[in-house]
């Protein structure tokens, strides 16, 4: 059938093939059959390769999907880890901040303790180096609760206007009577009289006083001094402690403290007193011979807390409206005599102070208001 087909397909112009031609055609057919078979085989191999490639592509696709999912999961995990690490870092920084604040507080507390320790050490040095003074005890012993820890005598200044007087009676009841009568007509002569008014006197008294003491860096206290004239002794001490070979320097002030019998000496510079205090004992030429004096710290006191209250004087009254119609001394005597008479509601006068009109003076209460002792200043 093939041959017939081929013959039919041949153009009529070609001659009929011979046996050799048929053999060559068969040979060509065989060759093409082999090529066809080879092509079929190659196609099958290509199909196999294609299928393999498709399978591989599918595998790669699946693997890529899995890797993508895993990468996304890893990214989420990494993101969570990063957030956790950020939170940890934030907590660590917060803890570090709190620790730094605690360290700062501790350092401040240490500084305060060191300052307090230094202050107490200074106080201890002062109390252990106070000037020596012989004391003879002549009182009675008692329990600690029997006495007061601190006693202070007031020294109060009461300003007085002109034309006024302060009068202190021996008895409180007399002062109350004069105060109740308020206005008093005082006769100065047969036809002359003045009207004065009695008023309550109020004083501001301290109820609590707290004093903080501190060692002065420019002062020293000199004790163990011989008995001699004050001025020559002060000059000798100033000369001695002003010389650098004795560890001194320029002296600003040198004064005697009469209540303790010691000398307070101040320097211009604030780095001299410490060295002299550390040495403590110094040989100074006094009364033509060497005398061993003692140098100790000087305390400066500062009021840190003061509470006061207004208190009325029980026996002292203020008389106002006193006209200067006669001499000061005469008028004062007339007023004192008037208020001593019981017929005028008065009584025994303990003290009387008159300040004429046009003048300004002050009354100093040394034991007010209980005893109400006073003097002019």
Protein backbone atom coordinates (compact mmCIF):
# COMPACT_ATOMS: atom_id res chain seq x y z
CA UNK A 1 0.00 0.00 0.00
CA UNK A 2 2.84 2.26 0.76
CA UNK A 3 4.58 1.58 -2.43
CA UNK A 4 1.39 2.07 -4.42
CA UNK A 5 0.85 5.33 -2.59
CA UNK A 6 4.31 6.40 -3.34
CA UNK A 7 4.00 5.51 -6.92
CA UNK A 8 0.80 7.36 -7.21
CA UNK A 9 2.38 10.36 -5.58
CA UNK A 10 5.26 10.43 -7.99
CA UNK A 11 4.92 12.87 -10.75
CA UNK A 12 4.16 11.25 -14.06
CA UNK A 13 7.19 12.78 -15.61
CA UNK A 14 9.55 10.64 -13.50
CA UNK A 15 10.39 7.25 -14.90
CA UNK A 16 9.38 4.01 -13.16
CA UNK A 17 11.86 3.11 -10.44
CA UNK A 18 14.13 0.21 -10.91
CA UNK A 19 15.02 -2.46 -8.36
CA UNK A 20 18.00 -0.47 -7.30
CA UNK A 21 15.78 2.50 -6.76
CA UNK A 22 13.38 0.43 -4.68
CA UNK A 23 16.22 -0.84 -2.56
CA UNK A 24 17.49 2.67 -2.02
CA UNK A 25 13.98 3.78 -1.16
CA UNK A 26 13.64 0.87 1.25
CA UNK A 27 16.98 1.82 2.65
CA UNK A 28 15.82 5.40 3.02
CA UNK A 29 12.58 4.19 4.53
CA UNK A 30 14.54 2.10 7.00
CA UNK A 31 16.76 5.04 7.73
CA UNK A 32 13.75 7.28 8.27
CA UNK A 33 12.06 4.56 10.29
CA UNK A 34 15.15 4.46 12.50
CA UNK A 35 15.14 8.20 12.67
CA UNK A 36 11.43 8.07 13.45
CA UNK A 37 12.01 5.52 16.12
CA UNK A 38 14.87 7.61 17.40
CA UNK A 39 12.62 10.64 17.39
CA UNK A 40 9.87 8.69 19.16
CA UNK A 41 12.43 7.53 21.70
CA UNK A 42 13.72 11.07 22.08
CA UNK A 43 10.17 12.31 22.44
CA UNK A 44 9.53 9.72 25.11
CA UNK A 45 12.77 10.73 26.81
CA UNK A 46 11.81 14.37 26.45
CA UNK A 47 8.36 13.60 27.83
CA UNK A 48 10.02 11.73 30.66
CA UNK A 49 12.37 14.64 31.26
CA UNK A 50 9.45 17.04 31.05
CA UNK A 51 7.50 15.00 33.56
CA UNK A 52 10.57 14.83 35.73
CA UNK A 53 11.02 18.59 35.40
CA UNK A 54 7.36 19.13 36.19
CA UNK A 55 7.68 16.86 39.22
CA UNK A 56 10.83 18.69 40.22
CA UNK A 57 9.15 22.03 39.66
CA UNK A 58 6.24 20.87 41.76
CA UNK A 59 8.64 19.70 44.43
CA UNK A 60 10.50 23.00 44.27
CA UNK A 61 7.21 24.84 44.39
CA UNK A 62 6.09 22.88 47.44
CA UNK A 63 9.49 23.34 49.02
CA UNK A 64 9.40 27.06 48.20
CA UNK A 65 5.96 27.32 49.81
CA UNK A 66 7.23 25.51 52.88
CA UNK A 67 10.35 27.65 52.99
CA UNK A 68 8.25 30.78 52.59
CA UNK A 69 5.97 29.66 55.41
CA UNK A 70 8.95 28.76 57.54
CA UNK A 71 10.59 32.10 56.74
CA UNK A 72 7.39 33.91 57.73
CA UNK A 73 7.21 31.88 60.93
CA UNK A 74 10.87 32.63 61.58
CA UNK A 75 10.26 36.31 60.94
CA UNK A 76 7.35 36.27 63.37
CA UNK A 77 9.47 34.39 65.85
CA UNK A 78 12.37 36.77 65.36
CA UNK A 79 10.02 39.72 65.69
CA UNK A 80 8.63 38.28 68.93
CA UNK A 81 12.15 37.66 70.16
CA UNK A 82 13.16 41.21 69.24
CA UNK A 83 10.12 42.59 71.09
CA UNK A 84 10.96 40.42 74.08
CA UNK A 85 14.58 41.57 73.98
CA UNK A 86 13.42 45.17 73.71
CA UNK A 87 11.17 44.66 76.75
CA UNK A 88 14.08 43.06 78.60
CA UNK A 89 16.34 45.95 77.60
CA UNK A 90 13.69 48.42 78.71
CA UNK A 91 13.34 46.64 82.07
CA UNK A 92 17.12 46.48 82.44
CA UNK A 93 17.39 50.21 81.71
CA UNK A 94 14.59 50.92 84.19
CA UNK A 95 16.33 48.79 86.79
CA UNK A 96 19.60 50.55 86.00
CA UNK A 97 17.88 53.91 86.42
CA UNK A 98 16.36 52.84 89.74
CA UNK A 99 19.72 51.49 90.87
CA UNK A 100 21.42 54.75 89.90
CA UNK A 101 18.78 56.68 91.86
CA UNK A 102 19.33 54.38 94.84
CA UNK A 103 23.10 54.81 94.49
CA UNK A 104 22.64 58.58 94.37
CA UNK A 105 20.43 58.46 97.47
CA UNK A 106 22.96 56.26 99.23
CA UNK A 107 25.79 58.62 98.23
CA UNK A 108 23.80 61.59 99.53
CA UNK A 109 23.08 59.69 102.75
CA UNK A 110 26.78 58.83 103.03
CA UNK A 111 27.67 62.49 102.51
CA UNK A 112 25.17 63.51 105.19
CA UNK A 113 26.58 60.88 107.54
CA UNK A 114 30.12 62.02 106.78
CA UNK A 115 29.12 65.63 107.40
CA UNK A 116 27.39 64.62 110.63
CA UNK A 117 30.42 62.56 111.64
CA UNK A 118 32.70 65.51 110.88
CA UNK A 119 30.43 67.80 112.87
CA UNK A 120 30.30 65.40 115.82
CA UNK A 121 34.06 64.99 115.64
CA UNK A 122 34.45 68.75 115.78
CA UNK A 123 32.08 68.91 118.75
CA UNK A 124 33.99 66.11 120.44
CA UNK A 125 37.26 67.93 119.80
CA UNK A 126 35.75 71.09 121.25
CA UNK A 127 34.36 69.39 124.34
CA UNK A 128 37.62 67.55 124.91
CA UNK A 129 39.66 70.74 124.47
CA UNK A 130 37.67 73.25 126.48
CA UNK A 131 39.72 75.68 128.57
CA UNK A 132 40.64 74.31 131.96
CA UNK A 133 39.09 76.11 134.90
CA UNK A 134 38.97 75.19 138.55
CA UNK A 135 35.42 74.85 139.88
CA UNK A 136 34.32 74.50 143.50
CA UNK A 137 30.91 72.85 143.95
CA UNK A 138 29.01 74.31 146.89
CA UNK A 139 25.45 73.23 146.06
CA UNK A 140 23.33 70.21 146.89
CA UNK A 141 23.21 67.01 144.88
CA UNK A 142 19.95 65.71 143.50
CA UNK A 143 18.38 63.58 140.83
CA UNK A 144 18.69 64.39 137.13
CA UNK A 145 14.98 65.13 136.94
CA UNK A 146 15.20 67.74 139.68
CA UNK A 147 16.93 70.37 137.55
CA UNK A 148 16.39 72.00 134.18
CA UNK A 149 18.56 71.05 131.24
CA UNK A 150 18.80 74.64 130.05
CA UNK A 151 18.32 77.94 131.82
CA UNK A 152 18.31 81.40 130.27
CA UNK A 153 17.83 84.85 131.77
CA UNK A 154 15.97 87.22 129.42
CA UNK A 155 17.52 90.53 128.44
CA UNK A 156 14.56 92.31 126.83
CA UNK A 157 14.56 95.86 125.50
CA UNK A 158 11.24 97.70 125.70
CA UNK A 159 11.16 100.94 123.63
CA UNK A 160 9.47 103.91 125.29
CA UNK A 161 7.83 106.84 123.56
CA UNK A 162 8.13 110.38 124.89
CA UNK A 163 5.66 111.39 127.57
CA UNK A 164 5.40 107.88 129.06
CA UNK A 165 6.58 106.14 132.22
CA UNK A 166 7.01 102.54 133.40
CA UNK A 167 6.01 101.80 136.97
CA UNK A 168 6.57 98.51 138.81
CA UNK A 169 4.67 97.77 142.01
CA UNK A 170 5.76 95.34 144.70
CA UNK A 171 2.36 93.64 144.71
CA UNK A 172 0.44 92.35 141.70
CA UNK A 173 -2.94 93.31 143.20
CA UNK A 174 -1.94 96.99 143.25
CA UNK A 175 -1.05 96.88 139.56
CA UNK A 176 -4.43 95.30 138.80
CA UNK A 177 -6.24 98.06 140.70
CA UNK A 178 -4.39 100.82 138.84
CA UNK A 179 -5.07 99.07 135.53
CA UNK A 180 -8.80 98.76 136.25
CA UNK A 181 -9.07 102.48 137.13
CA UNK A 182 -7.31 103.15 133.78
CA UNK A 183 -7.27 107.01 133.90
CA UNK A 184 -5.73 108.82 136.85
CA UNK A 185 -5.74 112.54 137.70
CA UNK A 186 -2.42 113.54 139.24
CA UNK A 187 -2.27 116.87 141.10
CA UNK A 188 0.95 118.79 140.49
CA UNK A 189 -0.01 121.83 142.56
CA UNK A 190 -2.97 123.69 143.91
CA UNK A 191 -4.60 124.40 140.56
CA UNK A 192 -2.52 122.17 138.24
CA UNK A 193 -3.18 118.52 137.42
CA UNK A 194 -2.58 116.12 134.55
CA UNK A 195 -4.48 112.99 133.51
CA UNK A 196 -2.45 109.89 132.75
CA UNK A 197 -3.66 106.54 131.46
CA UNK A 198 -2.45 103.15 132.74
CA UNK A 199 -1.91 100.45 130.15
CA UNK A 200 -0.84 96.83 130.20
CA UNK A 201 2.78 96.10 129.23
CA UNK A 202 3.31 93.13 126.90
CA UNK A 203 6.70 91.57 126.31
CA UNK A 204 7.75 89.11 123.63
CA UNK A 205 9.41 86.21 125.47
CA UNK A 206 11.20 83.19 124.01
CA UNK A 207 9.62 79.80 124.73
CA UNK A 208 12.08 77.69 122.72
CA UNK A 209 15.62 78.50 121.63
CA UNK A 210 17.76 76.05 119.64
CA UNK A 211 21.35 77.05 118.96
CA UNK A 212 23.68 75.31 116.52
CA UNK A 213 27.35 75.64 117.40
CA UNK A 214 30.18 75.43 114.87
CA UNK A 215 33.93 75.61 115.21
CA UNK A 216 35.25 78.88 113.80
CA UNK A 217 38.04 78.58 111.23
CA UNK A 218 39.38 82.07 112.01
CA UNK A 219 39.22 82.20 115.81
CA UNK A 220 41.10 80.60 118.68
CA UNK A 221 40.46 80.61 122.42
CA UNK A 222 43.49 81.16 124.65
CA UNK A 223 43.37 79.98 128.28
CA UNK A 224 45.75 79.16 131.15
CA UNK A 225 46.74 82.81 131.31
CA UNK A 226 48.56 84.47 134.23
CA UNK A 227 47.02 87.25 136.29
CA UNK A 228 48.19 90.56 134.83
CA UNK A 229 46.86 93.77 133.30
CA UNK A 230 44.55 93.08 130.40
CA UNK A 231 45.93 95.52 127.81
CA UNK A 232 49.60 94.45 128.08
CA UNK A 233 48.57 90.79 127.96
CA UNK A 234 46.45 91.30 124.85
CA UNK A 235 49.31 93.14 123.14
CA UNK A 236 51.78 90.35 123.98
CA UNK A 237 49.42 87.65 122.71
CA UNK A 238 48.68 89.55 119.50
CA UNK A 239 52.40 90.06 118.82
CA UNK A 240 53.21 86.40 119.51
CA UNK A 241 50.45 84.87 117.38
CA UNK A 242 50.96 87.32 114.50
CA UNK A 243 54.45 85.90 113.80
CA UNK A 244 54.75 83.15 111.19
CA UNK A 245 57.59 81.43 113.08
CA UNK A 246 55.08 80.70 115.85
CA UNK A 247 52.61 79.34 113.30
CA UNK A 248 50.52 82.51 113.37
CA UNK A 249 49.46 85.20 110.93
CA UNK A 250 47.92 88.63 110.68
CA UNK A 251 45.61 89.20 113.67
CA UNK A 252 42.27 90.88 113.06
CA UNK A 253 41.07 91.22 116.67
CA UNK A 254 42.17 90.24 120.17
CA UNK A 255 39.78 90.63 123.10
CA UNK A 256 39.35 89.42 126.67
CA UNK A 257 36.26 87.42 127.64
CA UNK A 258 35.73 88.53 131.26
CA UNK A 259 33.19 85.84 132.15
CA UNK A 260 35.68 83.01 131.48
CA UNK A 261 39.03 84.75 131.89
CA UNK A 262 40.07 83.62 128.39
CA UNK A 263 41.14 85.57 125.30
CA UNK A 264 39.44 85.28 121.91
CA UNK A 265 41.80 85.97 119.01
CA UNK A 266 40.72 86.16 115.35
CA UNK A 267 42.93 85.97 112.25
CA UNK A 268 42.46 87.53 108.84
CA UNK A 269 43.09 84.19 107.11
CA UNK A 270 41.07 81.06 107.86
CA UNK A 271 43.91 78.51 107.60
CA UNK A 272 45.91 79.50 110.70
CA UNK A 273 43.64 78.66 113.64
CA UNK A 274 43.52 74.91 112.86
CA UNK A 275 47.31 74.44 113.09
CA UNK A 276 47.53 76.37 116.35
CA UNK A 277 44.66 74.33 117.84
CA UNK A 278 46.30 71.04 116.83
CA UNK A 279 49.50 72.04 118.61
CA UNK A 280 47.36 73.10 121.63
CA UNK A 281 50.09 74.30 124.03
CA UNK A 282 52.28 77.31 123.18
CA UNK A 283 55.11 79.04 125.00
CA UNK A 284 54.40 82.80 125.13
CA UNK A 285 56.53 85.46 126.80
CA UNK A 286 54.37 87.12 129.44
CA UNK A 287 55.59 89.13 132.46
CA UNK A 288 59.18 88.82 131.27
CA UNK A 289 59.10 85.02 131.33
CA UNK A 290 57.83 82.17 129.17
CA UNK A 291 54.34 81.06 130.04
CA UNK A 292 52.60 77.92 128.71
CA UNK A 293 49.17 78.90 127.37
CA UNK A 294 46.54 76.59 125.92
CA UNK A 295 44.86 77.17 122.52
CA UNK A 296 41.46 75.54 121.98
CA UNK A 297 38.69 75.86 119.35
CA UNK A 298 36.34 78.83 119.35
CA UNK A 299 32.64 78.12 118.89
CA UNK A 300 30.28 80.32 116.87
CA UNK A 301 26.64 79.98 117.86
CA UNK A 302 23.72 80.38 115.46
CA UNK A 303 20.04 80.33 116.43
CA UNK A 304 18.34 77.67 114.28
CA UNK A 305 14.92 77.66 115.95
CA UNK A 306 13.21 80.39 117.97
CA UNK A 307 9.66 80.37 119.27
CA UNK A 308 8.21 83.33 121.15
CA UNK A 309 5.03 84.30 122.93
CA UNK A 310 3.51 87.60 124.07
CA UNK A 311 3.16 87.78 127.85
CA UNK A 312 1.70 90.50 130.02
CA UNK A 313 3.76 91.95 132.88
CA UNK A 314 1.96 91.32 136.15
CA UNK A 315 3.38 94.17 138.23
CA UNK A 316 4.62 96.67 135.61
CA UNK A 317 2.32 99.16 133.87
CA UNK A 318 2.80 101.85 131.23
CA UNK A 319 1.63 105.41 132.04
CA UNK A 320 0.87 107.55 128.99
CA UNK A 321 -0.16 111.16 128.38
CA UNK A 322 2.40 112.75 130.72
CA UNK A 323 2.80 116.42 129.75
CA UNK A 324 6.19 118.11 130.39
CA UNK A 325 4.84 120.73 132.76
CA UNK A 326 7.83 120.71 135.15
CA UNK A 327 11.35 119.40 135.45
CA UNK A 328 11.91 115.70 134.74
CA UNK A 329 13.12 114.68 138.19
CA UNK A 330 10.42 116.66 140.01
CA UNK A 331 7.64 115.32 137.79
CA UNK A 332 8.92 111.75 138.25
CA UNK A 333 8.87 112.16 142.05
CA UNK A 334 5.34 113.59 141.97
CA UNK A 335 4.06 110.69 139.86
CA UNK A 336 5.78 108.08 142.04
CA UNK A 337 4.33 109.65 145.22
CA UNK A 338 0.84 109.73 143.67
CA UNK A 339 0.82 106.02 142.83
CA UNK A 340 2.25 105.03 146.21
CA UNK A 341 -0.79 106.36 148.04
CA UNK A 342 -3.48 103.77 148.84
CA UNK A 343 -6.13 106.50 148.54
CA UNK A 344 -5.36 106.63 144.85
CA UNK A 345 -5.54 102.81 144.56
CA UNK A 346 -1.77 102.51 144.64
CA UNK A 347 0.85 100.85 146.80
CA UNK A 348 4.57 100.38 147.29
CA UNK A 349 6.49 101.24 144.10
CA UNK A 350 9.51 99.07 143.36
CA UNK A 351 10.78 100.92 140.28
CA UNK A 352 9.77 103.99 138.27
CA UNK A 353 11.16 105.15 134.92
CA UNK A 354 9.97 108.37 133.24
CA UNK A 355 10.76 109.35 129.66
CA UNK A 356 9.93 113.05 128.89
CA UNK A 357 8.14 114.13 125.76
CA UNK A 358 10.46 114.57 122.77
CA UNK A 359 12.92 111.90 123.95
CA UNK A 360 13.25 108.22 123.11
CA UNK A 361 14.64 105.65 125.51
CA UNK A 362 14.40 101.93 126.22
CA UNK A 363 13.76 99.90 129.34
CA UNK A 364 15.74 96.65 129.70
CA UNK A 365 13.94 93.84 131.48
CA UNK A 366 16.53 91.45 132.88
CA UNK A 367 14.20 89.06 134.69
CA UNK A 368 10.90 89.57 132.96
CA UNK A 369 8.07 89.02 133.35
CA UNK A 370 8.11 87.16 136.65
CA UNK A 371 10.31 89.52 138.66
CA UNK A 372 10.19 92.29 136.07
CA UNK A 373 13.46 93.91 137.09
CA UNK A 374 14.34 96.69 134.68
CA UNK A 375 16.87 99.40 134.03
CA UNK A 376 17.31 102.21 131.51
CA UNK A 377 19.54 101.88 128.49
